[in-house]
Amino acid sequence: MNILKPVFKVVLSASICFSLVVALFTSTASFSHAQMPILKGIGGDFTLKSSKGGDVSLSDFKGKVVLMFFGYTNCADICPTTMAHISQMMRKLTPEQKAQVQVLFVSIDSEYDTPKHLNKYLSYFDPSFIGLVDDTEKTEHVAKLYSAEYAKLADVKVTTEFKKLSVEEKNAPKRKGYLYSHTAKIFVIDGKSRVRGFFYTGTPLAEMREQIIELL
């Protein structure tokens, strides 16, 4: 019996160590998934005109991870910067992973942006990006669903010459769009249309990629 005691202790110690490793791994995995919890009280289905033609609903993308951003094409800084940031992240995904992710750009400037204009604007970043635009009432409804605050800056207008990325035809008549203040959040929506959190232009690309892959 005395000879078996050391062996028993070794086996017991190994068993305890294994249990600790399993517990640690489980805890780490749980923590990883908990980084993007389901946010209740925000989100919901909606339908808007698509830059690809016709109408598009959020429910059309069930099974995919959706990255949704509210902005407008006359935005001179945060919008093009954010779209470029998302585009860089998308290039870090495999073709299979990218096919399971959809980027939506909801225009808050329905007085200026059109589906055709949005399509050309977004194609500079990634042809797979879809722009959504509709009348002001519908846009406001979607913004309220997602608590995506925005406001027109009085009646101040801006010509396209102030845009960092011009998508106007050279011979097209000059038009003026409004300036807006708006949220900088990139809404992360999982395959069941649930809001799971937010990214920003400053979110590291590697972190964005990791979180998205976890939701696929």
N, C-alpha and C. Protein backbone atom coordinates (compact mmCIF):
# COMPACT_ATOMS: atom_id res chain seq x y z
N MET A 1 0.83 -1.21 0.00
CA MET A 1 0.00 0.00 0.00
C MET A 1 0.86 1.25 0.00
N ASN A 2 1.95 1.20 0.77
CA ASN A 2 2.84 2.35 0.82
C ASN A 2 3.45 2.65 -0.55
N ILE A 3 3.69 1.57 -1.35
CA ILE A 3 4.29 1.75 -2.68
C ILE A 3 3.28 2.43 -3.61
N LEU A 4 1.98 2.15 -3.41
CA LEU A 4 0.97 2.68 -4.31
C LEU A 4 0.63 4.15 -4.02
N LYS A 5 0.92 4.60 -2.78
CA LYS A 5 0.57 5.97 -2.41
C LYS A 5 1.19 7.03 -3.32
N PRO A 6 2.53 6.95 -3.59
CA PRO A 6 3.13 7.95 -4.48
C PRO A 6 2.50 7.93 -5.86
N VAL A 7 2.22 6.68 -6.36
CA VAL A 7 1.62 6.56 -7.69
C VAL A 7 0.23 7.18 -7.70
N PHE A 8 -0.53 6.90 -6.62
CA PHE A 8 -1.88 7.44 -6.50
C PHE A 8 -1.84 8.97 -6.47
N LYS A 9 -0.85 9.52 -5.75
CA LYS A 9 -0.72 10.97 -5.66
C LYS A 9 -0.41 11.58 -7.02
N VAL A 10 0.45 10.91 -7.80
CA VAL A 10 0.82 11.40 -9.12
C VAL A 10 -0.40 11.41 -10.04
N VAL A 11 -1.16 10.28 -10.00
CA VAL A 11 -2.35 10.17 -10.83
C VAL A 11 -3.38 11.22 -10.43
N LEU A 12 -3.53 11.39 -9.09
CA LEU A 12 -4.48 12.38 -8.59
C LEU A 12 -4.08 13.78 -9.02
N SER A 13 -2.77 14.09 -8.91
CA SER A 13 -2.27 15.41 -9.29
C SER A 13 -2.49 15.66 -10.78
N ALA A 14 -2.21 14.64 -11.59
CA ALA A 14 -2.39 14.77 -13.03
C ALA A 14 -3.87 15.00 -13.36
N SER A 15 -4.74 14.28 -12.62
CA SER A 15 -6.17 14.44 -12.84
C SER A 15 -6.63 15.84 -12.50
N ILE A 16 -6.11 16.37 -11.37
CA ILE A 16 -6.47 17.73 -10.94
C ILE A 16 -5.98 18.75 -11.95
N CYS A 17 -4.74 18.56 -12.44
CA CYS A 17 -4.16 19.48 -13.42
C CYS A 17 -4.99 19.48 -14.70
N PHE A 18 -5.40 18.28 -15.14
CA PHE A 18 -6.20 18.16 -16.36
C PHE A 18 -7.53 18.89 -16.19
N SER A 19 -8.13 18.70 -14.99
CA SER A 19 -9.42 19.36 -14.71
C SER A 19 -9.27 20.87 -14.74
N LEU A 20 -8.15 21.34 -14.19
CA LEU A 20 -7.90 22.78 -14.17
C LEU A 20 -7.72 23.33 -15.57
N VAL A 21 -7.01 22.57 -16.42
CA VAL A 21 -6.79 22.99 -17.80
C VAL A 21 -8.12 23.07 -18.54
N VAL A 22 -8.96 22.03 -18.35
CA VAL A 22 -10.27 22.01 -19.00
C VAL A 22 -11.11 23.19 -18.53
N ALA A 23 -11.09 23.42 -17.22
CA ALA A 23 -11.87 24.53 -16.64
C ALA A 23 -11.38 25.86 -17.19
N LEU A 24 -10.05 26.00 -17.29
CA LEU A 24 -9.48 27.25 -17.80
C LEU A 24 -9.85 27.46 -19.25
N PHE A 25 -9.78 26.38 -20.04
CA PHE A 25 -10.13 26.46 -21.46
C PHE A 25 -11.59 26.83 -21.63
N THR A 26 -12.45 26.17 -20.84
CA THR A 26 -13.89 26.45 -20.91
C THR A 26 -14.18 27.88 -20.52
N SER A 27 -13.50 28.33 -19.46
CA SER A 27 -13.69 29.70 -18.99
C SER A 27 -13.25 30.70 -20.04
N THR A 28 -12.10 30.42 -20.68
CA THR A 28 -11.57 31.31 -21.71
C THR A 28 -12.50 31.37 -22.91
N ALA A 29 -13.01 30.19 -23.31
CA ALA A 29 -13.93 30.13 -24.45
C ALA A 29 -15.20 30.90 -24.15
N SER A 30 -15.72 30.73 -22.92
CA SER A 30 -16.93 31.43 -22.53
C SER A 30 -16.71 32.93 -22.53
N PHE A 31 -15.54 33.33 -22.04
CA PHE A 31 -15.22 34.76 -21.98
C PHE A 31 -15.14 35.33 -23.39
N SER A 32 -14.54 34.52 -24.29
CA SER A 32 -14.38 34.97 -25.67
C SER A 32 -15.74 35.23 -26.30
N HIS A 33 -16.70 34.30 -26.12
CA HIS A 33 -18.02 34.47 -26.70
C HIS A 33 -18.78 35.59 -25.98
N ALA A 34 -18.48 35.81 -24.71
CA ALA A 34 -19.18 36.83 -23.94
C ALA A 34 -18.74 38.23 -24.33
N GLN A 35 -17.68 38.34 -25.13
CA GLN A 35 -17.20 39.65 -25.54
C GLN A 35 -18.23 40.37 -26.41
N MET A 36 -19.08 39.63 -27.10
CA MET A 36 -20.13 40.24 -27.91
C MET A 36 -21.47 39.65 -27.50
N PRO A 37 -22.01 40.09 -26.38
CA PRO A 37 -23.29 39.56 -25.90
C PRO A 37 -24.44 40.04 -26.78
N ILE A 38 -25.58 39.40 -26.64
CA ILE A 38 -26.78 39.82 -27.37
C ILE A 38 -27.32 41.07 -26.69
N LEU A 39 -27.47 42.14 -27.45
CA LEU A 39 -27.97 43.40 -26.90
C LEU A 39 -29.48 43.45 -27.08
N LYS A 40 -30.20 43.39 -25.98
CA LYS A 40 -31.66 43.41 -26.04
C LYS A 40 -32.19 44.85 -26.09
N GLY A 41 -33.34 44.99 -26.70
CA GLY A 41 -33.97 46.31 -26.76
C GLY A 41 -33.45 47.19 -27.88
N ILE A 42 -32.63 46.63 -28.76
CA ILE A 42 -32.09 47.40 -29.88
C ILE A 42 -32.12 46.52 -31.13
N GLY A 43 -32.48 47.12 -32.25
CA GLY A 43 -32.49 46.38 -33.50
C GLY A 43 -33.89 45.98 -33.94
N GLY A 44 -33.96 45.25 -35.03
CA GLY A 44 -35.23 44.82 -35.59
C GLY A 44 -35.18 44.82 -37.10
N ASP A 45 -36.13 44.13 -37.71
CA ASP A 45 -36.15 44.03 -39.17
C ASP A 45 -36.64 45.34 -39.78
N PHE A 46 -36.26 45.57 -41.03
CA PHE A 46 -36.68 46.77 -41.74
C PHE A 46 -36.49 46.53 -43.24
N THR A 47 -37.07 47.39 -44.04
CA THR A 47 -36.94 47.30 -45.49
C THR A 47 -36.67 48.68 -46.07
N LEU A 48 -35.62 48.79 -46.89
CA LEU A 48 -35.26 50.04 -47.54
C LEU A 48 -34.86 49.76 -48.99
N LYS A 49 -34.78 50.80 -49.80
CA LYS A 49 -34.35 50.65 -51.18
C LYS A 49 -32.85 50.34 -51.22
N SER A 50 -32.48 49.42 -52.10
CA SER A 50 -31.09 48.97 -52.18
C SER A 50 -30.34 49.64 -53.33
N SER A 51 -29.06 49.83 -53.12
CA SER A 51 -28.20 50.39 -54.18
C SER A 51 -28.02 49.39 -55.31
N LYS A 52 -28.38 48.14 -55.07
CA LYS A 52 -28.27 47.11 -56.10
C LYS A 52 -29.58 46.97 -56.88
N GLY A 53 -30.60 47.74 -56.50
CA GLY A 53 -31.89 47.67 -57.15
C GLY A 53 -32.93 46.97 -56.29
N GLY A 54 -34.15 47.46 -56.34
CA GLY A 54 -35.22 46.85 -55.56
C GLY A 54 -35.15 47.20 -54.08
N ASP A 55 -35.92 46.47 -53.30
CA ASP A 55 -35.93 46.66 -51.85
C ASP A 55 -35.14 45.56 -51.17
N VAL A 56 -34.58 45.88 -50.01
CA VAL A 56 -33.82 44.91 -49.23
C VAL A 56 -34.27 44.99 -47.78
N SER A 57 -34.44 43.82 -47.17
CA SER A 57 -34.78 43.75 -45.75
C SER A 57 -33.61 43.14 -45.00
N LEU A 58 -33.47 43.48 -43.73
CA LEU A 58 -32.41 42.89 -42.93
C LEU A 58 -32.57 41.38 -42.87
N SER A 59 -33.80 40.92 -42.84
CA SER A 59 -34.06 39.47 -42.76
C SER A 59 -33.57 38.72 -43.99
N ASP A 60 -33.29 39.44 -45.07
CA ASP A 60 -32.75 38.80 -46.27
C ASP A 60 -31.36 38.22 -46.03
N PHE A 61 -30.71 38.70 -44.97
CA PHE A 61 -29.33 38.28 -44.70
C PHE A 61 -29.22 37.35 -43.50
N LYS A 62 -30.32 36.69 -43.15
CA LYS A 62 -30.26 35.74 -42.04
C LYS A 62 -29.25 34.65 -42.36
N GLY A 63 -28.47 34.28 -41.37
CA GLY A 63 -27.41 33.30 -41.58
C GLY A 63 -26.07 33.96 -41.83
N LYS A 64 -26.10 35.28 -42.08
CA LYS A 64 -24.86 36.02 -42.30
C LYS A 64 -24.62 37.01 -41.16
N VAL A 65 -23.37 37.39 -40.97
CA VAL A 65 -23.03 38.46 -40.04
C VAL A 65 -23.14 39.76 -40.82
N VAL A 66 -23.88 40.72 -40.29
CA VAL A 66 -24.08 42.00 -40.96
C VAL A 66 -23.35 43.10 -40.21
N LEU A 67 -22.59 43.90 -40.94
CA LEU A 67 -21.95 45.09 -40.39
C LEU A 67 -22.70 46.28 -40.98
N MET A 68 -23.37 47.04 -40.14
CA MET A 68 -24.22 48.13 -40.63
C MET A 68 -23.74 49.48 -40.09
N PHE A 69 -23.68 50.44 -41.01
CA PHE A 69 -23.20 51.78 -40.65
C PHE A 69 -24.16 52.83 -41.19
N PHE A 70 -24.43 53.86 -40.39
CA PHE A 70 -25.28 54.96 -40.81
C PHE A 70 -24.40 56.14 -41.19
N GLY A 71 -24.57 56.63 -42.41
CA GLY A 71 -23.74 57.75 -42.85
C GLY A 71 -24.31 58.37 -44.11
N TYR A 72 -23.48 59.12 -44.84
CA TYR A 72 -23.94 59.75 -46.09
C TYR A 72 -22.72 60.05 -46.96
N THR A 73 -22.93 60.06 -48.26
CA THR A 73 -21.80 60.15 -49.19
C THR A 73 -21.10 61.50 -49.18
N ASN A 74 -21.77 62.55 -48.75
CA ASN A 74 -21.13 63.87 -48.69
C ASN A 74 -20.27 64.04 -47.45
N CYS A 75 -20.26 63.04 -46.58
CA CYS A 75 -19.43 63.09 -45.38
C CYS A 75 -17.96 63.14 -45.80
N ALA A 76 -17.23 64.08 -45.23
CA ALA A 76 -15.85 64.28 -45.67
C ALA A 76 -14.82 63.51 -44.87
N ASP A 77 -15.21 62.91 -43.75
CA ASP A 77 -14.18 62.26 -42.93
C ASP A 77 -14.57 60.88 -42.42
N ILE A 78 -15.46 60.81 -41.42
CA ILE A 78 -15.71 59.53 -40.74
C ILE A 78 -16.28 58.46 -41.66
N CYS A 79 -17.15 58.84 -42.59
CA CYS A 79 -17.79 57.83 -43.46
C CYS A 79 -16.79 57.15 -44.41
N PRO A 80 -16.03 57.92 -45.21
CA PRO A 80 -15.06 57.25 -46.08
C PRO A 80 -13.97 56.53 -45.29
N THR A 81 -13.60 57.08 -44.14
CA THR A 81 -12.57 56.44 -43.32
C THR A 81 -13.08 55.11 -42.77
N THR A 82 -14.34 55.09 -42.33
CA THR A 82 -14.92 53.87 -41.79
C THR A 82 -15.10 52.81 -42.87
N MET A 83 -15.59 53.22 -44.03
CA MET A 83 -15.78 52.27 -45.13
C MET A 83 -14.43 51.67 -45.56
N ALA A 84 -13.40 52.48 -45.57
CA ALA A 84 -12.06 51.99 -45.93
C ALA A 84 -11.56 51.00 -44.87
N HIS A 85 -11.86 51.30 -43.61
CA HIS A 85 -11.43 50.43 -42.50
C HIS A 85 -12.12 49.06 -42.61
N ILE A 86 -13.42 49.08 -42.86
CA ILE A 86 -14.17 47.83 -43.01
C ILE A 86 -13.66 47.06 -44.22
N SER A 87 -13.37 47.78 -45.29
CA SER A 87 -12.86 47.14 -46.50
C SER A 87 -11.54 46.42 -46.24
N GLN A 88 -10.68 47.04 -45.45
CA GLN A 88 -9.40 46.42 -45.09
C GLN A 88 -9.64 45.14 -44.30
N MET A 89 -10.59 45.18 -43.38
CA MET A 89 -10.90 44.00 -42.57
C MET A 89 -11.45 42.87 -43.44
N MET A 90 -12.30 43.21 -44.39
CA MET A 90 -12.90 42.20 -45.26
C MET A 90 -11.82 41.48 -46.07
N ARG A 91 -10.78 42.18 -46.42
CA ARG A 91 -9.70 41.56 -47.19
C ARG A 91 -8.90 40.57 -46.37
N LYS A 92 -9.07 40.60 -45.06
CA LYS A 92 -8.38 39.67 -44.17
C LYS A 92 -9.17 38.37 -43.97
N LEU A 93 -10.38 38.32 -44.50
CA LEU A 93 -11.19 37.12 -44.41
C LEU A 93 -10.94 36.22 -45.62
N THR A 94 -11.16 34.93 -45.44
CA THR A 94 -11.06 34.01 -46.56
C THR A 94 -12.29 34.22 -47.45
N PRO A 95 -12.25 33.79 -48.71
CA PRO A 95 -13.42 33.94 -49.58
C PRO A 95 -14.67 33.31 -48.98
N GLU A 96 -14.50 32.17 -48.31
CA GLU A 96 -15.64 31.49 -47.69
C GLU A 96 -16.21 32.33 -46.55
N GLN A 97 -15.32 32.91 -45.74
CA GLN A 97 -15.77 33.74 -44.62
C GLN A 97 -16.42 35.02 -45.13
N LYS A 98 -15.82 35.63 -46.11
CA LYS A 98 -16.35 36.88 -46.66
C LYS A 98 -17.75 36.69 -47.22
N ALA A 99 -18.01 35.51 -47.79
CA ALA A 99 -19.33 35.22 -48.36
C ALA A 99 -20.41 35.17 -47.30
N GLN A 100 -19.99 35.05 -46.02
CA GLN A 100 -20.95 34.98 -44.92
C GLN A 100 -21.08 36.30 -44.18
N VAL A 101 -20.49 37.35 -44.74
CA VAL A 101 -20.54 38.68 -44.12
C VAL A 101 -21.11 39.68 -45.12
N GLN A 102 -22.04 40.51 -44.67
CA GLN A 102 -22.60 41.54 -45.53
C GLN A 102 -22.47 42.91 -44.88
N VAL A 103 -21.96 43.87 -45.62
CA VAL A 103 -21.82 45.24 -45.14
C VAL A 103 -22.97 46.07 -45.70
N LEU A 104 -23.68 46.77 -44.82
CA LEU A 104 -24.78 47.65 -45.22
C LEU A 104 -24.46 49.09 -44.82
N PHE A 105 -24.64 50.01 -45.76
CA PHE A 105 -24.42 51.43 -45.50
C PHE A 105 -25.78 52.13 -45.64
N VAL A 106 -26.33 52.55 -44.51
CA VAL A 106 -27.64 53.21 -44.51
C VAL A 106 -27.45 54.71 -44.64
N SER A 107 -27.92 55.27 -45.75
CA SER A 107 -27.77 56.72 -45.95
C SER A 107 -28.80 57.49 -45.15
N ILE A 108 -28.33 58.51 -44.45
CA ILE A 108 -29.22 59.37 -43.68
C ILE A 108 -29.55 60.65 -44.46
N ASP A 109 -29.03 60.75 -45.69
CA ASP A 109 -29.24 61.93 -46.53
C ASP A 109 -30.07 61.55 -47.76
N SER A 110 -31.35 61.26 -47.54
CA SER A 110 -32.21 60.84 -48.64
C SER A 110 -32.50 61.96 -49.63
N GLU A 111 -32.19 63.20 -49.24
CA GLU A 111 -32.41 64.33 -50.15
C GLU A 111 -31.32 64.42 -51.22
N TYR A 112 -30.20 63.78 -50.94
CA TYR A 112 -29.09 63.85 -51.90
C TYR A 112 -28.73 62.47 -52.45
N ASP A 113 -28.58 61.49 -51.58
CA ASP A 113 -28.15 60.16 -52.01
C ASP A 113 -29.27 59.41 -52.73
N THR A 114 -28.90 58.72 -53.76
CA THR A 114 -29.82 57.86 -54.50
C THR A 114 -29.21 56.46 -54.54
N PRO A 115 -30.01 55.43 -54.85
CA PRO A 115 -29.45 54.08 -54.94
C PRO A 115 -28.27 54.01 -55.91
N LYS A 116 -28.41 54.65 -57.07
CA LYS A 116 -27.34 54.62 -58.07
C LYS A 116 -26.08 55.31 -57.57
N HIS A 117 -26.27 56.44 -56.91
CA HIS A 117 -25.13 57.19 -56.38
C HIS A 117 -24.44 56.40 -55.28
N LEU A 118 -25.23 55.78 -54.41
CA LEU A 118 -24.67 54.97 -53.33
C LEU A 118 -23.87 53.80 -53.89
N ASN A 119 -24.39 53.17 -54.92
CA ASN A 119 -23.71 52.02 -55.51
C ASN A 119 -22.33 52.40 -56.04
N LYS A 120 -22.27 53.55 -56.71
CA LYS A 120 -20.98 54.00 -57.24
C LYS A 120 -20.03 54.36 -56.12
N TYR A 121 -20.54 55.02 -55.11
CA TYR A 121 -19.72 55.43 -53.96
C TYR A 121 -19.12 54.22 -53.26
N LEU A 122 -19.95 53.22 -52.96
CA LEU A 122 -19.50 52.05 -52.22
C LEU A 122 -18.60 51.14 -53.04
N SER A 123 -18.75 51.17 -54.36
CA SER A 123 -17.91 50.31 -55.21
C SER A 123 -16.44 50.68 -55.12
N TYR A 124 -16.15 51.92 -54.69
CA TYR A 124 -14.76 52.33 -54.50
C TYR A 124 -14.12 51.57 -53.33
N PHE A 125 -14.94 51.12 -52.41
CA PHE A 125 -14.43 50.42 -51.23
C PHE A 125 -14.51 48.91 -51.41
N ASP A 126 -15.68 48.42 -51.80
CA ASP A 126 -15.88 46.98 -52.03
C ASP A 126 -17.20 46.80 -52.79
N PRO A 127 -17.16 46.16 -53.95
CA PRO A 127 -18.38 45.98 -54.75
C PRO A 127 -19.48 45.21 -54.03
N SER A 128 -19.12 44.46 -53.00
CA SER A 128 -20.13 43.67 -52.28
C SER A 128 -20.92 44.51 -51.27
N PHE A 129 -20.44 45.71 -50.94
CA PHE A 129 -21.14 46.57 -49.99
C PHE A 129 -22.47 47.00 -50.59
N ILE A 130 -23.50 47.01 -49.77
CA ILE A 130 -24.83 47.42 -50.23
C ILE A 130 -25.25 48.71 -49.52
N GLY A 131 -25.68 49.68 -50.32
CA GLY A 131 -26.18 50.93 -49.77
C GLY A 131 -27.69 50.88 -49.65
N LEU A 132 -28.23 51.46 -48.61
CA LEU A 132 -29.68 51.51 -48.39
C LEU A 132 -30.11 52.95 -48.22
N VAL A 133 -31.15 53.34 -48.94
CA VAL A 133 -31.65 54.71 -48.85
C VAL A 133 -33.14 54.70 -49.15
N ASP A 134 -33.87 55.58 -48.48
CA ASP A 134 -35.31 55.66 -48.70
C ASP A 134 -35.78 57.02 -48.22
N ASP A 135 -37.08 57.22 -48.15
CA ASP A 135 -37.56 58.53 -47.71
C ASP A 135 -37.20 58.76 -46.25
N THR A 136 -37.24 60.00 -45.85
CA THR A 136 -36.79 60.41 -44.52
C THR A 136 -37.51 59.67 -43.40
N GLU A 137 -38.81 59.47 -43.54
CA GLU A 137 -39.60 58.80 -42.50
C GLU A 137 -39.12 57.37 -42.26
N LYS A 138 -38.86 56.65 -43.34
CA LYS A 138 -38.40 55.27 -43.21
C LYS A 138 -37.00 55.21 -42.61
N THR A 139 -36.15 56.13 -43.03
CA THR A 139 -34.79 56.17 -42.50
C THR A 139 -34.80 56.47 -41.01
N GLU A 140 -35.63 57.41 -40.60
CA GLU A 140 -35.73 57.75 -39.19
C GLU A 140 -36.23 56.56 -38.37
N HIS A 141 -37.13 55.78 -38.94
CA HIS A 141 -37.65 54.61 -38.25
C HIS A 141 -36.54 53.60 -37.99
N VAL A 142 -35.72 53.35 -39.00
CA VAL A 142 -34.61 52.40 -38.84
C VAL A 142 -33.60 52.93 -37.83
N ALA A 143 -33.31 54.21 -37.90
CA ALA A 143 -32.36 54.82 -36.97
C ALA A 143 -32.85 54.68 -35.53
N LYS A 144 -34.15 54.83 -35.31
CA LYS A 144 -34.70 54.69 -33.96
C LYS A 144 -34.61 53.24 -33.48
N LEU A 145 -34.83 52.30 -34.38
CA LEU A 145 -34.72 50.89 -34.01
C LEU A 145 -33.34 50.58 -33.44
N TYR A 146 -32.33 51.22 -34.00
CA TYR A 146 -30.95 50.92 -33.61
C TYR A 146 -30.32 52.03 -32.76
N SER A 147 -31.13 52.96 -32.32
CA SER A 147 -30.63 54.07 -31.51
C SER A 147 -29.43 54.74 -32.17
N ALA A 148 -29.53 54.88 -33.49
CA ALA A 148 -28.46 55.50 -34.27
C ALA A 148 -28.80 56.98 -34.48
N GLU A 149 -28.36 57.79 -33.56
CA GLU A 149 -28.72 59.20 -33.59
C GLU A 149 -28.01 59.94 -34.73
N TYR A 150 -28.76 60.83 -35.36
CA TYR A 150 -28.15 61.71 -36.36
C TYR A 150 -28.99 62.97 -36.44
N ALA A 151 -28.39 64.04 -36.94
CA ALA A 151 -29.10 65.30 -37.04
C ALA A 151 -28.53 66.14 -38.17
N LYS A 152 -29.44 66.80 -38.89
CA LYS A 152 -29.00 67.71 -39.94
C LYS A 152 -28.48 68.98 -39.27
N LEU A 153 -27.35 69.47 -39.73
CA LEU A 153 -26.78 70.67 -39.15
C LEU A 153 -27.46 71.90 -39.74
N ALA A 154 -28.61 72.24 -39.16
CA ALA A 154 -29.45 73.34 -39.64
C ALA A 154 -29.71 73.16 -41.13
N ASP A 155 -29.56 74.20 -41.91
CA ASP A 155 -29.76 74.08 -43.35
C ASP A 155 -28.43 74.31 -44.08
N VAL A 156 -27.34 74.02 -43.38
CA VAL A 156 -26.02 74.18 -44.00
C VAL A 156 -25.85 73.12 -45.07
N LYS A 157 -25.46 73.56 -46.26
CA LYS A 157 -25.23 72.62 -47.35
C LYS A 157 -23.75 72.60 -47.72
N VAL A 158 -23.36 71.53 -48.38
CA VAL A 158 -21.97 71.40 -48.80
C VAL A 158 -21.94 70.90 -50.23
N THR A 159 -21.06 71.47 -51.05
CA THR A 159 -20.93 71.01 -52.43
C THR A 159 -19.96 69.83 -52.45
N THR A 160 -19.97 69.09 -53.53
CA THR A 160 -19.15 67.88 -53.62
C THR A 160 -17.66 68.18 -53.60
N GLU A 161 -17.28 69.42 -53.81
CA GLU A 161 -15.86 69.75 -53.82
C GLU A 161 -15.22 69.54 -52.44
N PHE A 162 -16.02 69.48 -51.39
CA PHE A 162 -15.48 69.29 -50.05
C PHE A 162 -15.30 67.82 -49.70
N LYS A 163 -15.81 66.94 -50.55
CA LYS A 163 -15.71 65.52 -50.26
C LYS A 163 -14.31 64.99 -50.57
N LYS A 164 -13.83 64.12 -49.71
CA LYS A 164 -12.52 63.51 -49.96
C LYS A 164 -12.59 62.50 -51.09
N LEU A 165 -13.77 61.94 -51.29
CA LEU A 165 -13.94 60.95 -52.35
C LEU A 165 -15.08 61.41 -53.24
N SER A 166 -14.75 61.87 -54.44
CA SER A 166 -15.76 62.37 -55.35
C SER A 166 -16.24 61.26 -56.27
N VAL A 167 -17.53 61.08 -56.34
CA VAL A 167 -18.07 60.06 -57.23
C VAL A 167 -19.04 60.69 -58.23
N GLU A 168 -18.95 61.99 -58.37
CA GLU A 168 -19.81 62.69 -59.31
C GLU A 168 -19.26 62.58 -60.72
N GLU A 169 -20.16 62.55 -61.68
CA GLU A 169 -19.74 62.58 -63.07
C GLU A 169 -19.18 63.99 -63.37
N LYS A 170 -18.15 64.04 -64.18
CA LYS A 170 -17.52 65.33 -64.47
C LYS A 170 -18.49 66.34 -65.07
N ASN A 171 -19.37 65.84 -65.94
CA ASN A 171 -20.29 66.75 -66.64
C ASN A 171 -21.66 66.86 -65.97
N ALA A 172 -21.79 66.23 -64.82
CA ALA A 172 -23.08 66.26 -64.14
C ALA A 172 -23.31 67.63 -63.51
N PRO A 173 -24.55 68.07 -63.45
CA PRO A 173 -24.84 69.38 -62.82
C PRO A 173 -24.48 69.33 -61.35
N LYS A 174 -23.96 70.43 -60.85
CA LYS A 174 -23.55 70.49 -59.45
C LYS A 174 -24.77 70.45 -58.53
N ARG A 175 -24.70 69.58 -57.54
CA ARG A 175 -25.77 69.47 -56.56
C ARG A 175 -25.19 69.72 -55.18
N LYS A 176 -26.04 70.07 -54.27
CA LYS A 176 -25.59 70.31 -52.90
C LYS A 176 -26.27 69.35 -51.94
N GLY A 177 -25.47 68.78 -51.05
CA GLY A 177 -26.00 67.90 -50.02
C GLY A 177 -25.87 68.58 -48.67
N TYR A 178 -26.57 68.04 -47.70
CA TYR A 178 -26.53 68.63 -46.36
C TYR A 178 -25.40 68.02 -45.53
N LEU A 179 -25.01 68.74 -44.50
CA LEU A 179 -24.05 68.23 -43.52
C LEU A 179 -24.83 67.63 -42.36
N TYR A 180 -24.36 66.51 -41.84
CA TYR A 180 -25.02 65.85 -40.72
C TYR A 180 -24.01 65.50 -39.64
N SER A 181 -24.51 65.45 -38.41
CA SER A 181 -23.75 64.84 -37.33
C SER A 181 -24.41 63.48 -37.14
N HIS A 182 -23.63 62.44 -36.91
CA HIS A 182 -24.22 61.10 -36.81
C HIS A 182 -23.32 60.17 -36.02
N THR A 183 -23.87 59.05 -35.61
CA THR A 183 -23.12 58.07 -34.84
C THR A 183 -21.99 57.48 -35.67
N ALA A 184 -20.91 57.11 -34.99
CA ALA A 184 -19.77 56.50 -35.67
C ALA A 184 -19.73 54.99 -35.44
N LYS A 185 -20.81 54.44 -34.89
CA LYS A 185 -20.84 53.01 -34.58
C LYS A 185 -21.02 52.15 -35.83
N ILE A 186 -20.31 51.03 -35.86
CA ILE A 186 -20.55 50.00 -36.85
C ILE A 186 -21.31 48.91 -36.12
N PHE A 187 -22.58 48.74 -36.43
CA PHE A 187 -23.41 47.76 -35.74
C PHE A 187 -23.08 46.35 -36.22
N VAL A 188 -22.85 45.45 -35.25
CA VAL A 188 -22.54 44.06 -35.57
C VAL A 188 -23.78 43.23 -35.29
N ILE A 189 -24.32 42.60 -36.34
CA ILE A 189 -25.57 41.84 -36.25
C ILE A 189 -25.29 40.39 -36.64
N ASP A 190 -25.70 39.45 -35.80
CA ASP A 190 -25.38 38.05 -36.08
C ASP A 190 -26.37 37.42 -37.07
N GLY A 191 -26.18 36.13 -37.33
CA GLY A 191 -26.99 35.42 -38.31
C GLY A 191 -28.45 35.29 -37.98
N LYS A 192 -28.82 35.62 -36.73
CA LYS A 192 -30.23 35.58 -36.32
C LYS A 192 -30.80 36.99 -36.18
N SER A 193 -30.11 37.94 -36.81
CA SER A 193 -30.54 39.35 -36.83
C SER A 193 -30.53 40.00 -35.45
N ARG A 194 -29.64 39.53 -34.57
CA ARG A 194 -29.53 40.11 -33.23
C ARG A 194 -28.30 41.01 -33.16
N VAL A 195 -28.43 42.19 -32.57
CA VAL A 195 -27.29 43.10 -32.41
C VAL A 195 -26.37 42.53 -31.35
N ARG A 196 -25.09 42.37 -31.70
CA ARG A 196 -24.14 41.77 -30.78
C ARG A 196 -23.09 42.76 -30.24
N GLY A 197 -23.09 43.97 -30.76
CA GLY A 197 -22.12 44.94 -30.28
C GLY A 197 -21.77 45.95 -31.37
N PHE A 198 -20.66 46.65 -31.16
CA PHE A 198 -20.27 47.72 -32.08
C PHE A 198 -18.77 47.69 -32.35
N PHE A 199 -18.42 48.10 -33.55
CA PHE A 199 -17.03 48.38 -33.90
C PHE A 199 -16.93 49.86 -34.20
N TYR A 200 -15.71 50.35 -34.25
CA TYR A 200 -15.46 51.73 -34.64
C TYR A 200 -14.27 51.75 -35.59
N THR A 201 -14.02 52.88 -36.22
CA THR A 201 -12.87 52.98 -37.12
C THR A 201 -11.58 52.66 -36.38
N GLY A 202 -11.54 52.97 -35.08
CA GLY A 202 -10.34 52.71 -34.29
C GLY A 202 -10.20 51.28 -33.80
N THR A 203 -11.23 50.44 -34.01
CA THR A 203 -11.14 49.05 -33.57
C THR A 203 -10.09 48.32 -34.40
N PRO A 204 -9.11 47.67 -33.76
CA PRO A 204 -8.07 46.96 -34.51
C PRO A 204 -8.66 45.94 -35.48
N LEU A 205 -8.09 45.87 -36.67
CA LEU A 205 -8.60 44.96 -37.70
C LEU A 205 -8.58 43.51 -37.24
N ALA A 206 -7.52 43.12 -36.54
CA ALA A 206 -7.40 41.73 -36.07
C ALA A 206 -8.52 41.41 -35.09
N GLU A 207 -8.88 42.36 -34.24
CA GLU A 207 -9.95 42.15 -33.27
C GLU A 207 -11.29 42.03 -33.98
N MET A 208 -11.52 42.87 -34.98
CA MET A 208 -12.76 42.82 -35.74
C MET A 208 -12.89 41.46 -36.43
N ARG A 209 -11.81 41.03 -37.06
CA ARG A 209 -11.82 39.76 -37.78
C ARG A 209 -12.11 38.59 -36.83
N GLU A 210 -11.47 38.59 -35.67
CA GLU A 210 -11.66 37.52 -34.70
C GLU A 210 -13.10 37.45 -34.21
N GLN A 211 -13.65 38.60 -33.89
CA GLN A 211 -15.02 38.64 -33.37
C GLN A 211 -16.03 38.18 -34.44
N ILE A 212 -15.80 38.59 -35.67
CA ILE A 212 -16.71 38.21 -36.75
C ILE A 212 -16.66 36.72 -37.00
N ILE A 213 -15.45 36.16 -37.03
CA ILE A 213 -15.30 34.71 -37.27
C ILE A 213 -16.01 33.93 -36.19
N GLU A 214 -15.98 34.42 -34.93
CA GLU A 214 -16.66 33.74 -33.85
C GLU A 214 -18.17 33.69 -34.07
N LEU A 215 -18.71 34.69 -34.77
CA LEU A 215 -20.15 34.75 -34.98
C LEU A 215 -20.60 33.99 -36.21
N LEU A 216 -19.67 33.59 -37.06
CA LEU A 216 -20.05 32.89 -38.30
C LEU A 216 -20.60 31.50 -37.98
